[in-house]
Amino acid sequence: MNQVKIGKFIAECRKNANLTQLQLAEKLNITDKAVSKWECGKALPDTAIMLELCDILKISVNDLLCGEKISMENINEKNEQLLLEMSKEIEYKNKTIWATMKVIMVVSMIALFAGLFISAFLIPEGVWQLVAIIGICIVFLIPCFYALRLEVSVGAYKCKNCAHEFVPTYGEALMAMHFGFTRHLKCPKCGERTWCKKVVK
């Protein structure tokens, strides 16, 4: 989606409705700065207020997301184009999140081993060495929990038994045994607990 085009379209529709940025913001219970960001192409309206915004501006959601008034003859073509663009954006965001998660895990592992090496060889044996090792392990776990949250939020897990793809809860993923990005999960479709492989689409 072209944010700049959508922003210009919002500004045009707002002016056609004889509304200032402040008046439109007040109708939507948001700040005029948010409206300004939309119109400058720096952000898109939240999905929670899109319908209300479209109602105020007398446009459809399709018009808003395309950044132009869509004629009935072109509606199917525009819908297909819009769905394709949105799926590409989702795919790009998923890949970005997946790459971020991998970077977090690699950096965390390096930091863990470096910390344990320093604790083992540079801190004298005793209570402080033990405290340092425990502290390093706790600090290592924090990004691991965050990385798992990212892992669960992207794509799905594929059941080895029935090939059904599903998204487990964070708690289910946390408690499941795993090897890399394959987790021992219960499939909601077949009810079997199998090694489910992560699928990022």
N, C-alpha and C. Protein backbone atom coordinates (compact mmCIF):
# COMPACT_ATOMS: atom_id res chain seq x y z
N MET A 1 0.83 -1.20 0.00
CA MET A 1 0.00 0.00 0.00
C MET A 1 0.87 1.25 0.00
N ASN A 2 0.45 2.22 -0.78
CA ASN A 2 1.19 3.47 -0.90
C ASN A 2 0.70 4.46 0.15
N GLN A 3 1.45 4.61 1.25
CA GLN A 3 1.01 5.46 2.36
C GLN A 3 0.88 6.92 1.94
N VAL A 4 1.79 7.37 1.09
CA VAL A 4 1.75 8.78 0.65
C VAL A 4 0.48 9.05 -0.16
N LYS A 5 0.16 8.11 -1.06
CA LYS A 5 -1.05 8.24 -1.87
C LYS A 5 -2.30 8.22 -0.99
N ILE A 6 -2.32 7.30 -0.03
CA ILE A 6 -3.46 7.20 0.89
C ILE A 6 -3.58 8.49 1.71
N GLY A 7 -2.45 9.02 2.16
CA GLY A 7 -2.45 10.27 2.94
C GLY A 7 -3.02 11.43 2.16
N LYS A 8 -2.61 11.56 0.90
CA LYS A 8 -3.13 12.65 0.05
C LYS A 8 -4.63 12.49 -0.18
N PHE A 9 -5.06 11.22 -0.33
CA PHE A 9 -6.48 10.94 -0.54
C PHE A 9 -7.30 11.30 0.70
N ILE A 10 -6.77 10.97 1.89
CA ILE A 10 -7.46 11.34 3.13
C ILE A 10 -7.59 12.86 3.23
N ALA A 11 -6.50 13.58 2.92
CA ALA A 11 -6.52 15.05 2.99
C ALA A 11 -7.55 15.62 2.02
N GLU A 12 -7.60 15.05 0.82
CA GLU A 12 -8.56 15.51 -0.21
C GLU A 12 -10.00 15.28 0.25
N CYS A 13 -10.27 14.08 0.77
CA CYS A 13 -11.62 13.75 1.24
C CYS A 13 -12.02 14.59 2.45
N ARG A 14 -11.05 14.85 3.32
CA ARG A 14 -11.33 15.69 4.51
C ARG A 14 -11.72 17.10 4.08
N LYS A 15 -10.98 17.64 3.12
CA LYS A 15 -11.28 18.99 2.62
C LYS A 15 -12.63 19.02 1.92
N ASN A 16 -12.95 17.96 1.17
CA ASN A 16 -14.26 17.87 0.49
C ASN A 16 -15.39 17.82 1.50
N ALA A 17 -15.10 17.27 2.69
CA ALA A 17 -16.11 17.19 3.75
C ALA A 17 -16.13 18.46 4.60
N ASN A 18 -15.33 19.48 4.20
CA ASN A 18 -15.23 20.76 4.93
C ASN A 18 -14.84 20.57 6.39
N LEU A 19 -13.83 19.73 6.60
CA LEU A 19 -13.34 19.48 7.96
C LEU A 19 -11.88 19.88 8.06
N THR A 20 -11.50 20.43 9.19
CA THR A 20 -10.09 20.67 9.47
C THR A 20 -9.51 19.39 10.06
N GLN A 21 -8.19 19.33 10.16
CA GLN A 21 -7.57 18.16 10.78
C GLN A 21 -8.05 17.99 12.21
N LEU A 22 -8.18 19.11 12.92
CA LEU A 22 -8.63 19.08 14.31
C LEU A 22 -10.06 18.57 14.42
N GLN A 23 -10.94 19.04 13.54
CA GLN A 23 -12.34 18.60 13.58
C GLN A 23 -12.47 17.10 13.29
N LEU A 24 -11.69 16.63 12.31
CA LEU A 24 -11.72 15.20 12.01
C LEU A 24 -11.18 14.39 13.19
N ALA A 25 -10.12 14.89 13.80
CA ALA A 25 -9.52 14.21 14.96
C ALA A 25 -10.52 14.13 16.11
N GLU A 26 -11.25 15.21 16.35
CA GLU A 26 -12.23 15.24 17.45
C GLU A 26 -13.35 14.23 17.20
N LYS A 27 -13.78 14.10 15.96
CA LYS A 27 -14.84 13.14 15.63
C LYS A 27 -14.38 11.69 15.87
N LEU A 28 -13.06 11.47 15.72
CA LEU A 28 -12.50 10.12 15.88
C LEU A 28 -11.90 9.89 17.27
N ASN A 29 -11.95 10.93 18.12
CA ASN A 29 -11.36 10.87 19.48
C ASN A 29 -9.86 10.56 19.44
N ILE A 30 -9.18 11.22 18.52
CA ILE A 30 -7.73 11.10 18.43
C ILE A 30 -7.13 12.50 18.36
N THR A 31 -5.81 12.60 18.28
CA THR A 31 -5.18 13.92 18.19
C THR A 31 -5.06 14.34 16.73
N ASP A 32 -4.99 15.66 16.51
CA ASP A 32 -4.82 16.16 15.15
C ASP A 32 -3.44 15.79 14.59
N LYS A 33 -2.49 15.50 15.50
CA LYS A 33 -1.16 15.06 15.06
C LYS A 33 -1.24 13.73 14.33
N ALA A 34 -2.14 12.85 14.80
CA ALA A 34 -2.33 11.54 14.15
C ALA A 34 -2.87 11.74 12.73
N VAL A 35 -3.82 12.64 12.59
CA VAL A 35 -4.39 12.94 11.26
C VAL A 35 -3.31 13.52 10.35
N SER A 36 -2.49 14.40 10.91
CA SER A 36 -1.39 15.01 10.16
C SER A 36 -0.41 13.94 9.67
N LYS A 37 -0.12 12.96 10.52
CA LYS A 37 0.79 11.87 10.13
C LYS A 37 0.22 11.06 8.97
N TRP A 38 -1.12 10.80 9.02
CA TRP A 38 -1.74 10.08 7.91
C TRP A 38 -1.56 10.86 6.62
N GLU A 39 -1.89 12.15 6.68
CA GLU A 39 -1.91 12.97 5.47
C GLU A 39 -0.51 13.21 4.92
N CYS A 40 0.51 13.10 5.76
CA CYS A 40 1.91 13.23 5.30
C CYS A 40 2.46 11.89 4.81
N GLY A 41 1.67 10.83 4.98
CA GLY A 41 2.12 9.51 4.53
C GLY A 41 3.08 8.83 5.49
N LYS A 42 3.09 9.30 6.75
CA LYS A 42 4.01 8.72 7.74
C LYS A 42 3.39 7.56 8.51
N ALA A 43 2.07 7.44 8.45
CA ALA A 43 1.37 6.37 9.17
C ALA A 43 0.02 6.12 8.51
N LEU A 44 -0.57 4.97 8.84
CA LEU A 44 -1.91 4.63 8.36
C LEU A 44 -2.88 4.64 9.54
N PRO A 45 -4.15 4.92 9.29
CA PRO A 45 -5.14 4.87 10.38
C PRO A 45 -5.21 3.47 10.99
N ASP A 46 -5.43 3.38 12.29
CA ASP A 46 -5.61 2.08 12.95
C ASP A 46 -6.85 1.41 12.40
N THR A 47 -6.81 0.08 12.33
CA THR A 47 -7.96 -0.66 11.83
C THR A 47 -9.20 -0.43 12.70
N ALA A 48 -8.99 -0.13 13.98
CA ALA A 48 -10.11 0.08 14.91
C ALA A 48 -10.97 1.28 14.53
N ILE A 49 -10.37 2.26 13.85
CA ILE A 49 -11.14 3.47 13.50
C ILE A 49 -11.36 3.64 12.00
N MET A 50 -10.91 2.67 11.21
CA MET A 50 -11.02 2.80 9.75
C MET A 50 -12.46 2.94 9.28
N LEU A 51 -13.36 2.11 9.81
CA LEU A 51 -14.77 2.17 9.38
C LEU A 51 -15.39 3.52 9.72
N GLU A 52 -15.09 4.01 10.92
CA GLU A 52 -15.64 5.31 11.34
C GLU A 52 -15.07 6.43 10.47
N LEU A 53 -13.77 6.36 10.16
CA LEU A 53 -13.13 7.36 9.31
C LEU A 53 -13.77 7.36 7.92
N CYS A 54 -13.97 6.16 7.37
CA CYS A 54 -14.58 6.04 6.05
C CYS A 54 -16.00 6.58 6.04
N ASP A 55 -16.73 6.33 7.12
CA ASP A 55 -18.10 6.82 7.25
C ASP A 55 -18.13 8.35 7.26
N ILE A 56 -17.20 8.96 7.99
CA ILE A 56 -17.12 10.42 8.08
C ILE A 56 -16.75 11.02 6.73
N LEU A 57 -15.80 10.38 6.02
CA LEU A 57 -15.31 10.91 4.74
C LEU A 57 -16.16 10.47 3.55
N LYS A 58 -17.20 9.63 3.82
CA LYS A 58 -18.11 9.13 2.77
C LYS A 58 -17.36 8.36 1.68
N ILE A 59 -16.50 7.46 2.13
CA ILE A 59 -15.75 6.59 1.21
C ILE A 59 -15.82 5.16 1.73
N SER A 60 -15.41 4.21 0.90
CA SER A 60 -15.37 2.80 1.34
C SER A 60 -13.96 2.50 1.86
N VAL A 61 -13.83 1.38 2.57
CA VAL A 61 -12.51 0.95 3.05
C VAL A 61 -11.60 0.66 1.86
N ASN A 62 -12.16 0.08 0.80
CA ASN A 62 -11.38 -0.18 -0.42
C ASN A 62 -10.82 1.12 -0.98
N ASP A 63 -11.67 2.16 -1.04
CA ASP A 63 -11.21 3.47 -1.52
C ASP A 63 -10.04 3.96 -0.68
N LEU A 64 -10.20 3.84 0.64
CA LEU A 64 -9.17 4.33 1.57
C LEU A 64 -7.85 3.60 1.35
N LEU A 65 -7.90 2.25 1.31
CA LEU A 65 -6.67 1.47 1.20
C LEU A 65 -6.02 1.58 -0.18
N CYS A 66 -6.82 1.92 -1.21
CA CYS A 66 -6.25 2.12 -2.55
C CYS A 66 -5.79 3.57 -2.75
N GLY A 67 -6.31 4.47 -1.91
CA GLY A 67 -5.92 5.88 -2.04
C GLY A 67 -6.61 6.59 -3.19
N GLU A 68 -7.77 6.06 -3.58
CA GLU A 68 -8.54 6.67 -4.67
C GLU A 68 -9.95 6.10 -4.68
N LYS A 69 -10.88 6.83 -5.32
CA LYS A 69 -12.25 6.34 -5.49
C LYS A 69 -12.24 5.24 -6.53
N ILE A 70 -12.84 4.12 -6.20
CA ILE A 70 -12.85 2.97 -7.10
C ILE A 70 -14.21 2.86 -7.78
N SER A 71 -14.20 2.78 -9.11
CA SER A 71 -15.45 2.60 -9.83
C SER A 71 -15.88 1.14 -9.74
N MET A 72 -17.16 0.88 -9.92
CA MET A 72 -17.69 -0.47 -9.80
C MET A 72 -17.08 -1.43 -10.84
N GLU A 73 -16.69 -0.90 -12.01
CA GLU A 73 -16.12 -1.75 -13.05
C GLU A 73 -14.73 -2.27 -12.63
N ASN A 74 -13.99 -1.44 -11.87
CA ASN A 74 -12.62 -1.80 -11.50
C ASN A 74 -12.49 -2.43 -10.11
N ILE A 75 -13.63 -2.62 -9.43
CA ILE A 75 -13.55 -3.02 -8.01
C ILE A 75 -12.89 -4.38 -7.81
N ASN A 76 -13.21 -5.37 -8.66
CA ASN A 76 -12.60 -6.70 -8.50
C ASN A 76 -11.10 -6.66 -8.74
N GLU A 77 -10.70 -5.96 -9.79
CA GLU A 77 -9.28 -5.84 -10.12
C GLU A 77 -8.52 -5.14 -8.99
N LYS A 78 -9.11 -4.07 -8.45
CA LYS A 78 -8.46 -3.31 -7.36
C LYS A 78 -8.39 -4.15 -6.09
N ASN A 79 -9.46 -4.92 -5.82
CA ASN A 79 -9.47 -5.79 -4.63
C ASN A 79 -8.36 -6.83 -4.71
N GLU A 80 -8.19 -7.44 -5.88
CA GLU A 80 -7.13 -8.44 -6.06
C GLU A 80 -5.75 -7.81 -5.89
N GLN A 81 -5.59 -6.63 -6.47
CA GLN A 81 -4.31 -5.91 -6.36
C GLN A 81 -4.02 -5.56 -4.90
N LEU A 82 -5.06 -5.10 -4.18
CA LEU A 82 -4.91 -4.72 -2.78
C LEU A 82 -4.56 -5.93 -1.91
N LEU A 83 -5.24 -7.05 -2.14
CA LEU A 83 -4.95 -8.28 -1.38
C LEU A 83 -3.52 -8.75 -1.62
N LEU A 84 -3.08 -8.66 -2.88
CA LEU A 84 -1.72 -9.07 -3.22
C LEU A 84 -0.69 -8.18 -2.51
N GLU A 85 -0.93 -6.87 -2.52
CA GLU A 85 -0.02 -5.94 -1.84
C GLU A 85 0.03 -6.20 -0.34
N MET A 86 -1.15 -6.44 0.25
CA MET A 86 -1.21 -6.69 1.70
C MET A 86 -0.50 -8.00 2.06
N SER A 87 -0.66 -9.03 1.23
CA SER A 87 0.00 -10.30 1.52
C SER A 87 1.51 -10.16 1.40
N LYS A 88 1.98 -9.33 0.45
CA LYS A 88 3.41 -9.07 0.30
C LYS A 88 3.96 -8.35 1.53
N GLU A 89 3.18 -7.37 2.02
CA GLU A 89 3.60 -6.63 3.22
C GLU A 89 3.69 -7.53 4.43
N ILE A 90 2.68 -8.41 4.59
CA ILE A 90 2.68 -9.35 5.72
C ILE A 90 3.87 -10.30 5.62
N GLU A 91 4.13 -10.79 4.41
CA GLU A 91 5.26 -11.70 4.19
C GLU A 91 6.58 -11.01 4.54
N TYR A 92 6.72 -9.76 4.11
CA TYR A 92 7.95 -9.00 4.39
C TYR A 92 8.12 -8.79 5.90
N LYS A 93 7.02 -8.42 6.58
CA LYS A 93 7.08 -8.20 8.03
C LYS A 93 7.41 -9.49 8.76
N ASN A 94 6.82 -10.60 8.32
CA ASN A 94 7.10 -11.90 8.93
C ASN A 94 8.58 -12.28 8.79
N LYS A 95 9.12 -12.04 7.60
CA LYS A 95 10.54 -12.35 7.37
C LYS A 95 11.43 -11.47 8.23
N THR A 96 11.03 -10.20 8.39
CA THR A 96 11.81 -9.27 9.23
C THR A 96 11.78 -9.72 10.68
N ILE A 97 10.59 -10.10 11.18
CA ILE A 97 10.46 -10.57 12.56
C ILE A 97 11.28 -11.85 12.76
N TRP A 98 11.21 -12.78 11.78
CA TRP A 98 11.94 -14.04 11.86
C TRP A 98 13.45 -13.80 11.92
N ALA A 99 13.93 -12.87 11.07
CA ALA A 99 15.36 -12.55 11.06
C ALA A 99 15.77 -11.90 12.38
N THR A 100 14.92 -11.02 12.91
CA THR A 100 15.20 -10.37 14.20
C THR A 100 15.31 -11.39 15.31
N MET A 101 14.39 -12.38 15.30
CA MET A 101 14.41 -13.42 16.32
C MET A 101 15.70 -14.23 16.27
N LYS A 102 16.15 -14.55 15.07
CA LYS A 102 17.40 -15.32 14.92
C LYS A 102 18.60 -14.51 15.41
N VAL A 103 18.62 -13.21 15.11
CA VAL A 103 19.71 -12.35 15.57
C VAL A 103 19.74 -12.29 17.09
N ILE A 104 18.54 -12.15 17.71
CA ILE A 104 18.45 -12.11 19.17
C ILE A 104 19.03 -13.38 19.78
N MET A 105 18.67 -14.53 19.21
CA MET A 105 19.15 -15.80 19.74
C MET A 105 20.67 -15.96 19.60
N VAL A 106 21.20 -15.58 18.43
CA VAL A 106 22.65 -15.70 18.20
C VAL A 106 23.42 -14.79 19.15
N VAL A 107 22.98 -13.52 19.25
CA VAL A 107 23.66 -12.57 20.14
C VAL A 107 23.56 -13.03 21.59
N SER A 108 22.40 -13.56 21.99
CA SER A 108 22.21 -14.05 23.36
C SER A 108 23.15 -15.21 23.66
N MET A 109 23.29 -16.14 22.70
CA MET A 109 24.17 -17.29 22.91
C MET A 109 25.63 -16.86 23.04
N ILE A 110 26.04 -15.92 22.18
CA ILE A 110 27.42 -15.41 22.25
C ILE A 110 27.66 -14.74 23.59
N ALA A 111 26.68 -13.91 24.01
CA ALA A 111 26.81 -13.21 25.30
C ALA A 111 26.85 -14.20 26.46
N LEU A 112 26.04 -15.27 26.38
CA LEU A 112 26.02 -16.28 27.44
C LEU A 112 27.39 -16.95 27.58
N PHE A 113 27.92 -17.44 26.45
CA PHE A 113 29.21 -18.14 26.50
C PHE A 113 30.35 -17.21 26.93
N ALA A 114 30.30 -15.96 26.45
CA ALA A 114 31.33 -14.98 26.84
C ALA A 114 31.24 -14.71 28.34
N GLY A 115 30.01 -14.55 28.84
CA GLY A 115 29.81 -14.29 30.27
C GLY A 115 30.25 -15.44 31.14
N LEU A 116 29.92 -16.67 30.70
CA LEU A 116 30.32 -17.86 31.46
C LEU A 116 31.84 -18.03 31.45
N PHE A 117 32.47 -17.73 30.31
CA PHE A 117 33.92 -17.82 30.21
C PHE A 117 34.59 -16.82 31.17
N ILE A 118 34.08 -15.58 31.16
CA ILE A 118 34.63 -14.55 32.06
C ILE A 118 34.44 -14.95 33.52
N SER A 119 33.23 -15.46 33.83
CA SER A 119 32.95 -15.88 35.21
C SER A 119 33.85 -17.02 35.66
N ALA A 120 34.07 -17.96 34.76
CA ALA A 120 34.86 -19.15 35.12
C ALA A 120 36.35 -18.86 35.27
N PHE A 121 36.87 -17.95 34.46
CA PHE A 121 38.32 -17.75 34.45
C PHE A 121 38.81 -16.42 35.05
N LEU A 122 37.94 -15.44 35.14
CA LEU A 122 38.39 -14.13 35.64
C LEU A 122 37.87 -13.77 37.03
N ILE A 123 36.82 -14.48 37.47
CA ILE A 123 36.30 -14.23 38.82
C ILE A 123 36.76 -15.36 39.72
N PRO A 124 37.36 -15.02 40.85
CA PRO A 124 37.84 -16.08 41.77
C PRO A 124 36.70 -16.99 42.22
N GLU A 125 37.05 -18.25 42.45
CA GLU A 125 36.02 -19.21 42.90
C GLU A 125 35.43 -18.75 44.22
N GLY A 126 34.12 -18.99 44.34
CA GLY A 126 33.44 -18.60 45.57
C GLY A 126 32.03 -18.09 45.27
N VAL A 127 31.50 -17.37 46.23
CA VAL A 127 30.11 -16.89 46.15
C VAL A 127 29.91 -15.95 44.96
N TRP A 128 30.85 -15.03 44.75
CA TRP A 128 30.68 -14.04 43.68
C TRP A 128 30.70 -14.70 42.30
N GLN A 129 31.48 -15.74 42.15
CA GLN A 129 31.49 -16.45 40.88
C GLN A 129 30.14 -17.11 40.62
N LEU A 130 29.58 -17.73 41.67
CA LEU A 130 28.27 -18.37 41.56
C LEU A 130 27.18 -17.34 41.25
N VAL A 131 27.23 -16.19 41.95
CA VAL A 131 26.25 -15.12 41.71
C VAL A 131 26.35 -14.63 40.26
N ALA A 132 27.59 -14.47 39.77
CA ALA A 132 27.80 -14.00 38.40
C ALA A 132 27.23 -15.00 37.38
N ILE A 133 27.46 -16.29 37.60
CA ILE A 133 26.96 -17.32 36.67
C ILE A 133 25.43 -17.36 36.65
N ILE A 134 24.83 -17.30 37.85
CA ILE A 134 23.36 -17.30 37.93
C ILE A 134 22.79 -16.05 37.26
N GLY A 135 23.42 -14.90 37.53
CA GLY A 135 22.97 -13.64 36.92
C GLY A 135 23.04 -13.68 35.41
N ILE A 136 24.13 -14.21 34.88
CA ILE A 136 24.31 -14.31 33.43
C ILE A 136 23.23 -15.22 32.82
N CYS A 137 22.95 -16.33 33.48
CA CYS A 137 21.93 -17.26 32.98
C CYS A 137 20.54 -16.62 32.97
N ILE A 138 20.23 -15.84 34.02
CA ILE A 138 18.93 -15.15 34.10
C ILE A 138 18.82 -14.11 32.98
N VAL A 139 19.90 -13.33 32.80
CA VAL A 139 19.91 -12.31 31.75
C VAL A 139 19.77 -12.96 30.37
N PHE A 140 20.36 -14.15 30.19
CA PHE A 140 20.25 -14.87 28.93
C PHE A 140 18.81 -15.30 28.65
N LEU A 141 18.07 -15.68 29.69
CA LEU A 141 16.70 -16.17 29.51
C LEU A 141 15.73 -15.09 29.06
N ILE A 142 15.97 -13.84 29.45
CA ILE A 142 15.05 -12.74 29.10
C ILE A 142 14.88 -12.62 27.59
N PRO A 143 15.98 -12.48 26.80
CA PRO A 143 15.78 -12.41 25.35
C PRO A 143 15.25 -13.72 24.75
N CYS A 144 15.50 -14.84 25.41
CA CYS A 144 14.96 -16.13 24.93
C CYS A 144 13.44 -16.13 24.97
N PHE A 145 12.87 -15.63 26.08
CA PHE A 145 11.41 -15.56 26.20
C PHE A 145 10.83 -14.62 25.14
N TYR A 146 11.53 -13.50 24.90
CA TYR A 146 11.08 -12.53 23.89
C TYR A 146 11.17 -13.15 22.49
N ALA A 147 12.27 -13.87 22.22
CA ALA A 147 12.45 -14.52 20.91
C ALA A 147 11.37 -15.57 20.67
N LEU A 148 10.98 -16.29 21.72
CA LEU A 148 9.90 -17.28 21.59
C LEU A 148 8.59 -16.59 21.23
N ARG A 149 8.33 -15.45 21.85
CA ARG A 149 7.11 -14.69 21.55
C ARG A 149 7.10 -14.30 20.06
N LEU A 150 8.25 -13.88 19.55
CA LEU A 150 8.36 -13.55 18.12
C LEU A 150 8.15 -14.79 17.26
N GLU A 151 8.73 -15.92 17.69
CA GLU A 151 8.61 -17.17 16.94
C GLU A 151 7.14 -17.58 16.81
N VAL A 152 6.39 -17.48 17.90
CA VAL A 152 4.98 -17.88 17.90
C VAL A 152 4.14 -16.94 17.04
N SER A 153 4.54 -15.65 17.00
CA SER A 153 3.74 -14.65 16.27
C SER A 153 3.88 -14.73 14.76
N VAL A 154 4.88 -15.46 14.27
CA VAL A 154 5.13 -15.54 12.83
C VAL A 154 4.82 -16.93 12.31
N GLY A 155 4.06 -17.01 11.23
CA GLY A 155 3.78 -18.29 10.59
C GLY A 155 2.97 -19.23 11.47
N ALA A 156 3.22 -20.53 11.31
CA ALA A 156 2.47 -21.55 12.05
C ALA A 156 3.36 -22.78 12.21
N TYR A 157 2.85 -23.77 12.96
CA TYR A 157 3.53 -25.06 13.12
C TYR A 157 2.74 -26.10 12.33
N LYS A 158 3.45 -26.96 11.62
CA LYS A 158 2.79 -27.97 10.78
C LYS A 158 2.85 -29.33 11.46
N CYS A 159 1.67 -29.92 11.66
CA CYS A 159 1.56 -31.23 12.30
C CYS A 159 2.16 -32.31 11.40
N LYS A 160 3.01 -33.13 11.95
CA LYS A 160 3.67 -34.20 11.19
C LYS A 160 2.67 -35.30 10.83
N ASN A 161 1.62 -35.44 11.64
CA ASN A 161 0.64 -36.51 11.46
C ASN A 161 -0.38 -36.20 10.36
N CYS A 162 -1.00 -35.00 10.42
CA CYS A 162 -2.09 -34.68 9.47
C CYS A 162 -1.79 -33.48 8.58
N ALA A 163 -0.62 -32.87 8.74
CA ALA A 163 -0.18 -31.71 7.93
C ALA A 163 -1.00 -30.45 8.18
N HIS A 164 -1.80 -30.45 9.26
CA HIS A 164 -2.57 -29.26 9.62
C HIS A 164 -1.63 -28.18 10.18
N GLU A 165 -1.83 -26.95 9.76
CA GLU A 165 -1.02 -25.84 10.26
C GLU A 165 -1.80 -25.08 11.32
N PHE A 166 -1.17 -24.81 12.45
CA PHE A 166 -1.86 -24.15 13.55
C PHE A 166 -0.88 -23.27 14.33
N VAL A 167 -1.45 -22.33 15.09
CA VAL A 167 -0.63 -21.44 15.93
C VAL A 167 -0.95 -21.75 17.39
N PRO A 168 0.02 -22.27 18.13
CA PRO A 168 -0.22 -22.57 19.55
C PRO A 168 -0.19 -21.30 20.38
N THR A 169 -0.64 -21.40 21.61
CA THR A 169 -0.52 -20.25 22.52
C THR A 169 0.94 -20.13 22.95
N TYR A 170 1.28 -18.98 23.50
CA TYR A 170 2.66 -18.78 23.97
C TYR A 170 3.00 -19.81 25.04
N GLY A 171 2.05 -20.08 25.95
CA GLY A 171 2.26 -21.04 27.03
C GLY A 171 2.51 -22.44 26.51
N GLU A 172 1.74 -22.85 25.48
CA GLU A 172 1.91 -24.18 24.89
C GLU A 172 3.30 -24.32 24.25
N ALA A 173 3.71 -23.27 23.54
CA ALA A 173 5.03 -23.29 22.88
C ALA A 173 6.15 -23.29 23.93
N LEU A 174 5.95 -22.53 25.00
CA LEU A 174 6.96 -22.43 26.06
C LEU A 174 7.18 -23.77 26.76
N MET A 175 6.08 -24.51 27.01
CA MET A 175 6.16 -25.76 27.75
C MET A 175 6.53 -26.96 26.86
N ALA A 176 6.50 -26.77 25.54
CA ALA A 176 6.78 -27.88 24.63
C ALA A 176 8.28 -28.12 24.49
N MET A 177 8.64 -29.41 24.43
CA MET A 177 10.03 -29.75 24.12
C MET A 177 10.30 -29.28 22.69
N HIS A 178 11.54 -28.91 22.44
CA HIS A 178 11.83 -28.44 21.09
C HIS A 178 13.25 -28.78 20.68
N PHE A 179 13.43 -28.81 19.36
CA PHE A 179 14.74 -29.00 18.76
C PHE A 179 14.82 -27.98 17.63
N GLY A 180 15.57 -26.90 17.85
CA GLY A 180 15.60 -25.81 16.88
C GLY A 180 14.23 -25.17 16.80
N PHE A 181 13.63 -25.17 15.59
CA PHE A 181 12.31 -24.57 15.40
C PHE A 181 11.24 -25.64 15.21
N THR A 182 11.50 -26.83 15.71
CA THR A 182 10.51 -27.91 15.71
C THR A 182 10.10 -28.17 17.15
N ARG A 183 8.80 -28.14 17.42
CA ARG A 183 8.31 -28.29 18.79
C ARG A 183 7.35 -29.47 18.90
N HIS A 184 7.37 -30.12 20.07
CA HIS A 184 6.50 -31.27 20.34
C HIS A 184 5.17 -30.74 20.84
N LEU A 185 4.21 -30.57 19.92
CA LEU A 185 2.93 -29.93 20.23
C LEU A 185 1.75 -30.84 19.92
N LYS A 186 0.62 -30.54 20.57
CA LYS A 186 -0.61 -31.28 20.30
C LYS A 186 -1.39 -30.57 19.20
N CYS A 187 -1.69 -31.30 18.14
CA CYS A 187 -2.42 -30.73 17.01
C CYS A 187 -3.90 -30.58 17.37
N PRO A 188 -4.48 -29.40 17.18
CA PRO A 188 -5.90 -29.22 17.52
C PRO A 188 -6.84 -29.97 16.57
N LYS A 189 -6.35 -30.38 15.39
CA LYS A 189 -7.21 -31.06 14.42
C LYS A 189 -7.27 -32.57 14.67
N CYS A 190 -6.10 -33.22 14.70
CA CYS A 190 -6.09 -34.69 14.86
C CYS A 190 -5.94 -35.11 16.32
N GLY A 191 -5.56 -34.18 17.20
CA GLY A 191 -5.42 -34.48 18.62
C GLY A 191 -4.15 -35.21 18.99
N GLU A 192 -3.29 -35.47 18.01
CA GLU A 192 -2.04 -36.19 18.26
C GLU A 192 -0.93 -35.21 18.66
N ARG A 193 -0.05 -35.66 19.53
CA ARG A 193 1.11 -34.86 19.92
C ARG A 193 2.30 -35.34 19.09
N THR A 194 2.77 -34.48 18.18
CA THR A 194 3.88 -34.84 17.29
C THR A 194 4.90 -33.71 17.23
N TRP A 195 6.01 -33.98 16.56
CA TRP A 195 7.03 -32.95 16.35
C TRP A 195 6.57 -32.08 15.19
N CYS A 196 6.13 -30.88 15.53
CA CYS A 196 5.57 -29.95 14.54
C CYS A 196 6.64 -28.95 14.10
N LYS A 197 6.82 -28.89 12.79
CA LYS A 197 7.86 -28.02 12.23
C LYS A 197 7.30 -26.62 11.99
N LYS A 198 8.15 -25.61 12.23
CA LYS A 198 7.74 -24.22 12.01
C LYS A 198 7.67 -23.94 10.52
N VAL A 199 6.56 -23.32 10.10
CA VAL A 199 6.37 -22.95 8.70
C VAL A 199 6.14 -21.45 8.64
N VAL A 200 7.02 -20.75 7.94
CA VAL A 200 6.89 -19.29 7.82
C VAL A 200 6.42 -18.99 6.40
N LYS A 201 5.22 -18.37 6.30
CA LYS A 201 4.67 -18.05 4.98
C LYS A 201 4.37 -16.57 4.93
